[in-house]
PDB file of N, CA and C in Angstrom:
ATOM      1  N   UNK A   1     -13.531 -10.257  -5.061  1.00  0.00           N
ATOM      2  CA  UNK A   1     -12.579  -9.814  -4.059  1.00  0.00           C
ATOM      3  C   UNK A   1     -11.452  -9.057  -4.758  1.00  0.00           C
ATOM      4  N   UNK A   2     -11.019  -7.975  -4.130  1.00  0.00           N
ATOM      5  CA  UNK A   2      -9.953  -7.177  -4.733  1.00  0.00           C
ATOM      6  C   UNK A   2      -8.580  -7.751  -4.393  1.00  0.00           C
ATOM      7  N   UNK A   3      -7.651  -7.522  -5.268  1.00  0.00           N
ATOM      8  CA  UNK A   3      -6.267  -7.919  -5.039  1.00  0.00           C
ATOM      9  C   UNK A   3      -5.525  -6.667  -4.579  1.00  0.00           C
ATOM     10  N   UNK A   4      -5.099  -6.652  -3.330  1.00  0.00           N
ATOM     11  CA  UNK A   4      -4.495  -5.456  -2.745  1.00  0.00           C
ATOM     12  C   UNK A   4      -3.222  -5.044  -3.468  1.00  0.00           C
ATOM     13  N   UNK A   5      -2.477  -6.006  -3.984  1.00  0.00           N
ATOM     14  CA  UNK A   5      -1.253  -5.677  -4.719  1.00  0.00           C
ATOM     15  C   UNK A   5      -1.586  -4.859  -5.962  1.00  0.00           C
ATOM     16  N   UNK A   6      -2.592  -5.300  -6.708  1.00  0.00           N
ATOM     17  CA  UNK A   6      -3.003  -4.573  -7.913  1.00  0.00           C
ATOM     18  C   UNK A   6      -3.552  -3.195  -7.553  1.00  0.00           C
ATOM     19  N   UNK A   7      -4.334  -3.120  -6.484  1.00  0.00           N
ATOM     20  CA  UNK A   7      -4.907  -1.838  -6.067  1.00  0.00           C
ATOM     21  C   UNK A   7      -3.803  -0.842  -5.713  1.00  0.00           C
ATOM     22  N   UNK A   8      -2.817  -1.280  -4.957  1.00  0.00           N
ATOM     23  CA  UNK A   8      -1.717  -0.390  -4.582  1.00  0.00           C
ATOM     24  C   UNK A   8      -0.921   0.017  -5.813  1.00  0.00           C
ATOM     25  N   UNK A   9      -0.695  -0.906  -6.734  1.00  0.00           N
ATOM     26  CA  UNK A   9       0.034  -0.579  -7.958  1.00  0.00           C
ATOM     27  C   UNK A   9      -0.712   0.459  -8.787  1.00  0.00           C
ATOM     28  N   UNK A  10      -2.033   0.357  -8.854  1.00  0.00           N
ATOM     29  CA  UNK A  10      -2.838   1.341  -9.591  1.00  0.00           C
ATOM     30  C   UNK A  10      -2.719   2.713  -8.933  1.00  0.00           C
ATOM     31  N   UNK A  11      -2.810   2.741  -7.603  1.00  0.00           N
ATOM     32  CA  UNK A  11      -2.697   4.013  -6.898  1.00  0.00           C
ATOM     33  C   UNK A  11      -1.313   4.632  -7.080  1.00  0.00           C
ATOM     34  N   UNK A  12      -0.290   3.806  -7.061  1.00  0.00           N
ATOM     35  CA  UNK A  12       1.068   4.304  -7.295  1.00  0.00           C
ATOM     36  C   UNK A  12       1.207   4.859  -8.704  1.00  0.00           C
ATOM     37  N   UNK A  13       0.625   4.172  -9.661  1.00  0.00           N
ATOM     38  CA  UNK A  13       0.663   4.638 -11.052  1.00  0.00           C
ATOM     39  C   UNK A  13      -0.008   6.001 -11.166  1.00  0.00           C
ATOM     40  N   UNK A  14      -1.144   6.170 -10.502  1.00  0.00           N
ATOM     41  CA  UNK A  14      -1.851   7.465 -10.516  1.00  0.00           C
ATOM     42  C   UNK A  14      -0.994   8.570  -9.918  1.00  0.00           C
ATOM     43  N   UNK A  15      -0.148   8.218  -8.945  1.00  0.00           N
ATOM     44  CA  UNK A  15       0.719   9.205  -8.297  1.00  0.00           C
ATOM     45  C   UNK A  15       2.038   9.390  -9.054  1.00  0.00           C
ATOM     46  N   UNK A  16       2.260   8.548 -10.076  1.00  0.00           N
ATOM     47  CA  UNK A  16       3.511   8.621 -10.825  1.00  0.00           C
ATOM     48  C   UNK A  16       4.699   8.174  -9.995  1.00  0.00           C
ATOM     49  N   UNK A  17       4.472   7.175  -9.162  1.00  0.00           N
ATOM     50  CA  UNK A  17       5.492   6.729  -8.219  1.00  0.00           C
ATOM     51  C   UNK A  17       5.667   5.215  -8.305  1.00  0.00           C
ATOM     52  N   UNK A  18       6.882   4.764  -8.110  1.00  0.00           N
ATOM     53  CA  UNK A  18       7.142   3.327  -8.065  1.00  0.00           C
ATOM     54  C   UNK A  18       7.041   2.851  -6.618  1.00  0.00           C
ATOM     55  N   UNK A  19       6.936   1.539  -6.456  1.00  0.00           N
ATOM     56  CA  UNK A  19       6.859   0.978  -5.116  1.00  0.00           C
ATOM     57  C   UNK A  19       8.166   1.218  -4.353  1.00  0.00           C
ATOM     58  N   UNK A  20       9.289   1.114  -5.060  1.00  0.00           N
ATOM     59  CA  UNK A  20      10.575   1.335  -4.380  1.00  0.00           C
ATOM     60  C   UNK A  20      10.733   2.790  -3.950  1.00  0.00           C
ATOM     61  N   UNK A  21      10.305   3.718  -4.784  1.00  0.00           N
ATOM     62  CA  UNK A  21      10.384   5.133  -4.410  1.00  0.00           C
ATOM     63  C   UNK A  21       9.475   5.408  -3.218  1.00  0.00           C
ATOM     64  N   UNK A  22       8.278   4.828  -3.222  1.00  0.00           N
ATOM     65  CA  UNK A  22       7.347   5.027  -2.111  1.00  0.00           C
ATOM     66  C   UNK A  22       7.960   4.544  -0.802  1.00  0.00           C
ATOM     67  N   UNK A  23       8.550   3.347  -0.821  1.00  0.00           N
ATOM     68  CA  UNK A  23       9.132   2.819   0.413  1.00  0.00           C
ATOM     69  C   UNK A  23      10.318   3.674   0.874  1.00  0.00           C
ATOM     70  N   UNK A  24      11.120   4.159  -0.060  1.00  0.00           N
ATOM     71  CA  UNK A  24      12.254   5.035   0.304  1.00  0.00           C
ATOM     72  C   UNK A  24      11.763   6.326   0.949  1.00  0.00           C
ATOM     73  N   UNK A  25      10.770   6.963   0.337  1.00  0.00           N
ATOM     74  CA  UNK A  25      10.263   8.234   0.850  1.00  0.00           C
ATOM     75  C   UNK A  25       9.582   8.028   2.206  1.00  0.00           C
ATOM     76  N   UNK A  26       8.789   6.968   2.324  1.00  0.00           N
ATOM     77  CA  UNK A  26       8.117   6.696   3.600  1.00  0.00           C
ATOM     78  C   UNK A  26       9.144   6.463   4.702  1.00  0.00           C
ATOM     79  N   UNK A  27      10.197   5.742   4.389  1.00  0.00           N
ATOM     80  CA  UNK A  27      11.241   5.463   5.377  1.00  0.00           C
ATOM     81  C   UNK A  27      11.973   6.758   5.744  1.00  0.00           C
ATOM     82  N   UNK A  28      12.277   7.584   4.757  1.00  0.00           N
ATOM     83  CA  UNK A  28      12.976   8.848   4.996  1.00  0.00           C
ATOM     84  C   UNK A  28      12.140   9.799   5.857  1.00  0.00           C
ATOM     85  N   UNK A  29      10.827   9.747   5.698  1.00  0.00           N
ATOM     86  CA  UNK A  29       9.935  10.605   6.480  1.00  0.00           C
ATOM     87  C   UNK A  29       9.577   9.994   7.831  1.00  0.00           C
ATOM     88  N   UNK A  30      10.098   8.800   8.108  1.00  0.00           N
ATOM     89  CA  UNK A  30       9.838   8.141   9.380  1.00  0.00           C
ATOM     90  C   UNK A  30       8.441   7.561   9.492  1.00  0.00           C
ATOM     91  N   UNK A  31       7.784   7.361   8.362  1.00  0.00           N
ATOM     92  CA  UNK A  31       6.417   6.848   8.362  1.00  0.00           C
ATOM     93  C   UNK A  31       6.347   5.339   8.428  1.00  0.00           C
ATOM     94  N   UNK A  32       7.392   4.680   7.995  1.00  0.00           N
ATOM     95  CA  UNK A  32       7.393   3.227   7.957  1.00  0.00           C
ATOM     96  C   UNK A  32       8.831   2.733   7.902  1.00  0.00           C
ATOM     97  N   UNK A  33       9.033   1.495   8.323  1.00  0.00           N
ATOM     98  CA  UNK A  33      10.384   0.939   8.238  1.00  0.00           C
ATOM     99  C   UNK A  33      10.440  -0.259   7.293  1.00  0.00           C
ATOM    100  N   UNK A  34       9.420  -0.400   6.423  1.00  0.00           N
ATOM    101  CA  UNK A  34       9.425  -1.509   5.464  1.00  0.00           C
ATOM    102  C   UNK A  34      10.316  -1.170   4.275  1.00  0.00           C
ATOM    103  N   UNK A  35      10.886  -2.189   3.683  1.00  0.00           N
ATOM    104  CA  UNK A  35      11.679  -1.976   2.474  1.00  0.00           C
ATOM    105  C   UNK A  35      10.967  -2.649   1.301  1.00  0.00           C
ATOM    106  N   UNK A  36      11.453  -2.396   0.119  1.00  0.00           N
ATOM    107  CA  UNK A  36      10.796  -2.886  -1.097  1.00  0.00           C
ATOM    108  C   UNK A  36      10.728  -4.405  -1.140  1.00  0.00           C
ATOM    109  N   UNK A  37      11.766  -5.066  -0.665  1.00  0.00           N
ATOM    110  CA  UNK A  37      11.790  -6.534  -0.694  1.00  0.00           C
ATOM    111  C   UNK A  37      10.704  -7.117   0.201  1.00  0.00           C
ATOM    112  N   UNK A  38      10.623  -6.624   1.430  1.00  0.00           N
ATOM    113  CA  UNK A  38       9.618  -7.171   2.348  1.00  0.00           C
ATOM    114  C   UNK A  38       8.209  -6.791   1.911  1.00  0.00           C
ATOM    115  N   UNK A  39       8.032  -5.580   1.379  1.00  0.00           N
ATOM    116  CA  UNK A  39       6.707  -5.175   0.906  1.00  0.00           C
ATOM    117  C   UNK A  39       6.267  -6.035  -0.273  1.00  0.00           C
ATOM    118  N   UNK A  40       7.157  -6.249  -1.212  1.00  0.00           N
ATOM    119  CA  UNK A  40       6.818  -7.095  -2.366  1.00  0.00           C
ATOM    120  C   UNK A  40       6.457  -8.508  -1.933  1.00  0.00           C
ATOM    121  N   UNK A  41       7.225  -9.047  -0.987  1.00  0.00           N
ATOM    122  CA  UNK A  41       6.945 -10.397  -0.489  1.00  0.00           C
ATOM    123  C   UNK A  41       5.587 -10.461   0.213  1.00  0.00           C
ATOM    124  N   UNK A  42       5.295  -9.454   1.041  1.00  0.00           N
ATOM    125  CA  UNK A  42       4.002  -9.424   1.748  1.00  0.00           C
ATOM    126  C   UNK A  42       2.835  -9.333   0.766  1.00  0.00           C
ATOM    127  N   UNK A  43       2.993  -8.526  -0.281  1.00  0.00           N
ATOM    128  CA  UNK A  43       1.922  -8.375  -1.261  1.00  0.00           C
ATOM    129  C   UNK A  43       1.748  -9.640  -2.096  1.00  0.00           C
ATOM    130  N   UNK A  44       2.847 -10.260  -2.480  1.00  0.00           N
ATOM    131  CA  UNK A  44       2.783 -11.462  -3.303  1.00  0.00           C
ATOM    132  C   UNK A  44       2.182 -12.638  -2.542  1.00  0.00           C
ATOM    133  N   UNK A  45       2.573 -12.779  -1.279  1.00  0.00           N
ATOM    134  CA  UNK A  45       2.072 -13.900  -0.477  1.00  0.00           C
ATOM    135  C   UNK A  45       0.767 -13.576   0.236  1.00  0.00           C
ATOM    136  N   UNK A  46       0.289 -12.347   0.049  1.00  0.00           N
ATOM    137  CA  UNK A  46      -0.960 -11.876   0.654  1.00  0.00           C
ATOM    138  C   UNK A  46      -0.928 -11.992   2.180  1.00  0.00           C
ATOM    139  N   UNK A  47       0.216 -11.579   2.757  1.00  0.00           N
ATOM    140  CA  UNK A  47       0.375 -11.594   4.203  1.00  0.00           C
ATOM    141  C   UNK A  47       0.592 -10.191   4.760  1.00  0.00           C
ATOM    142  N   UNK A  48       0.209  -9.177   4.000  1.00  0.00           N
ATOM    143  CA  UNK A  48       0.401  -7.798   4.432  1.00  0.00           C
ATOM    144  C   UNK A  48      -0.601  -7.470   5.538  1.00  0.00           C
ATOM    145  N   UNK A  49      -0.154  -6.731   6.516  1.00  0.00           N
ATOM    146  CA  UNK A  49      -1.008  -6.356   7.635  1.00  0.00           C
ATOM    147  C   UNK A  49      -1.929  -5.203   7.223  1.00  0.00           C
ATOM    148  N   UNK A  50      -3.107  -5.194   7.813  1.00  0.00           N
ATOM    149  CA  UNK A  50      -4.074  -4.134   7.566  1.00  0.00           C
ATOM    150  C   UNK A  50      -3.457  -2.779   7.916  1.00  0.00           C
ATOM    151  N   UNK A  51      -2.713  -2.734   9.001  1.00  0.00           N
ATOM    152  CA  UNK A  51      -2.066  -1.498   9.439  1.00  0.00           C
ATOM    153  C   UNK A  51      -1.081  -0.987   8.389  1.00  0.00           C
ATOM    154  N   UNK A  52      -0.347  -1.880   7.755  1.00  0.00           N
ATOM    155  CA  UNK A  52       0.607  -1.494   6.717  1.00  0.00           C
ATOM    156  C   UNK A  52      -0.118  -0.928   5.508  1.00  0.00           C
ATOM    157  N   UNK A  53      -1.225  -1.563   5.136  1.00  0.00           N
ATOM    158  CA  UNK A  53      -2.033  -1.053   4.024  1.00  0.00           C
ATOM    159  C   UNK A  53      -2.545   0.345   4.358  1.00  0.00           C
ATOM    160  N   UNK A  54      -3.004   0.537   5.584  1.00  0.00           N
ATOM    161  CA  UNK A  54      -3.489   1.859   5.990  1.00  0.00           C
ATOM    162  C   UNK A  54      -2.377   2.904   5.911  1.00  0.00           C
ATOM    163  N   UNK A  55      -1.155   2.552   6.332  1.00  0.00           N
ATOM    164  CA  UNK A  55      -0.026   3.478   6.258  1.00  0.00           C
ATOM    165  C   UNK A  55       0.261   3.870   4.810  1.00  0.00           C
ATOM    166  N   UNK A  56       0.245   2.886   3.925  1.00  0.00           N
ATOM    167  CA  UNK A  56       0.509   3.151   2.507  1.00  0.00           C
ATOM    168  C   UNK A  56      -0.575   4.044   1.920  1.00  0.00           C
ATOM    169  N   UNK A  57      -1.830   3.703   2.191  1.00  0.00           N
ATOM    170  CA  UNK A  57      -2.933   4.505   1.662  1.00  0.00           C
ATOM    171  C   UNK A  57      -2.899   5.925   2.207  1.00  0.00           C
ATOM    172  N   UNK A  58      -2.597   6.078   3.487  1.00  0.00           N
ATOM    173  CA  UNK A  58      -2.504   7.402   4.078  1.00  0.00           C
ATOM    174  C   UNK A  58      -1.402   8.213   3.403  1.00  0.00           C
ATOM    175  N   UNK A  59      -0.261   7.588   3.171  1.00  0.00           N
ATOM    176  CA  UNK A  59       0.849   8.248   2.497  1.00  0.00           C
ATOM    177  C   UNK A  59       0.448   8.712   1.094  1.00  0.00           C
ATOM    178  N   UNK A  60      -0.317   7.868   0.388  1.00  0.00           N
ATOM    179  CA  UNK A  60      -0.738   8.190  -0.979  1.00  0.00           C
ATOM    180  C   UNK A  60      -1.950   9.111  -1.035  1.00  0.00           C
ATOM    181  N   UNK A  61      -2.553   9.379   0.129  1.00  0.00           N
ATOM    182  CA  UNK A  61      -3.698  10.288   0.172  1.00  0.00           C
ATOM    183  C   UNK A  61      -5.038   9.605  -0.029  1.00  0.00           C
ATOM    184  N   UNK A  62      -5.111   8.329   0.325  1.00  0.00           N
ATOM    185  CA  UNK A  62      -6.353   7.572   0.181  1.00  0.00           C
ATOM    186  C   UNK A  62      -6.753   6.994   1.532  1.00  0.00           C
ATOM    187  N   UNK A  63      -7.977   6.537   1.617  1.00  0.00           N
ATOM    188  CA  UNK A  63      -8.444   5.876   2.831  1.00  0.00           C
ATOM    189  C   UNK A  63      -9.355   4.719   2.455  1.00  0.00           C
ATOM    190  N   UNK A  64      -9.515   3.811   3.390  1.00  0.00           N
ATOM    191  CA  UNK A  64     -10.391   2.659   3.193  1.00  0.00           C
ATOM    192  C   UNK A  64     -11.783   3.041   3.661  1.00  0.00           C
ATOM    193  N   UNK A  65     -12.775   2.714   2.864  1.00  0.00           N
ATOM    194  CA  UNK A  65     -14.166   2.957   3.213  1.00  0.00           C
ATOM    195  C   UNK A  65     -14.882   1.612   3.228  1.00  0.00           C
ATOM    196  N   UNK A  66     -15.221   1.144   4.412  1.00  0.00           N
ATOM    197  CA  UNK A  66     -15.888  -0.145   4.538  1.00  0.00           C
ATOM    198  C   UNK A  66     -17.376   0.095   4.649  1.00  0.00           C
ATOM    199  N   UNK A  67     -18.127  -0.576   3.804  1.00  0.00           N
ATOM    200  CA  UNK A  67     -19.582  -0.438   3.847  1.00  0.00           C
ATOM    201  C   UNK A  67     -20.243  -1.754   3.558  1.00  0.00           C
ATOM    202  N   UNK A  68     -21.455  -1.885   4.014  1.00  0.00           N
ATOM    203  CA  UNK A  68     -22.224  -3.102   3.845  1.00  0.00           C
ATOM    204  C   UNK A  68     -22.594  -3.282   2.388  1.00  0.00           C
ATOM    205  N   UNK A  69     -22.482  -4.533   1.922  1.00  0.00           N
ATOM    206  CA  UNK A  69     -22.862  -4.848   0.551  1.00  0.00           C
ATOM    207  C   UNK A  69     -24.374  -4.686   0.390  1.00  0.00           C
ATOM    208  N   UNK A  70     -24.749  -4.280  -0.796  1.00  0.00           N
ATOM    209  CA  UNK A  70     -26.177  -4.224  -1.119  1.00  0.00           C
ATOM    210  C   UNK A  70     -26.486  -5.367  -2.055  1.00  0.00           C
ATOM    211  N   UNK A  71     -27.502  -6.105  -1.726  1.00  0.00           N
ATOM    212  CA  UNK A  71     -27.864  -7.275  -2.552  1.00  0.00           C
ATOM    213  C   UNK A  71     -29.021  -6.975  -3.454  1.00  0.00           C
TER     214      UNK A  71
END
């Protein structure tokens, strides 16, 4: 199972962006109203909403691809 916090951190690293900068820019563009404190808490406690993850991925230029496992 993937750890969404680590995945988002890797994507941010690829973009050369910090989590705090991402939340500031997203808020300034009206894309989200989350702040760094609440985002960090949601990621640490693994209570982040799927919709929030989608917003972050969309902002970073990524999307979720769900597919059936192959055994």
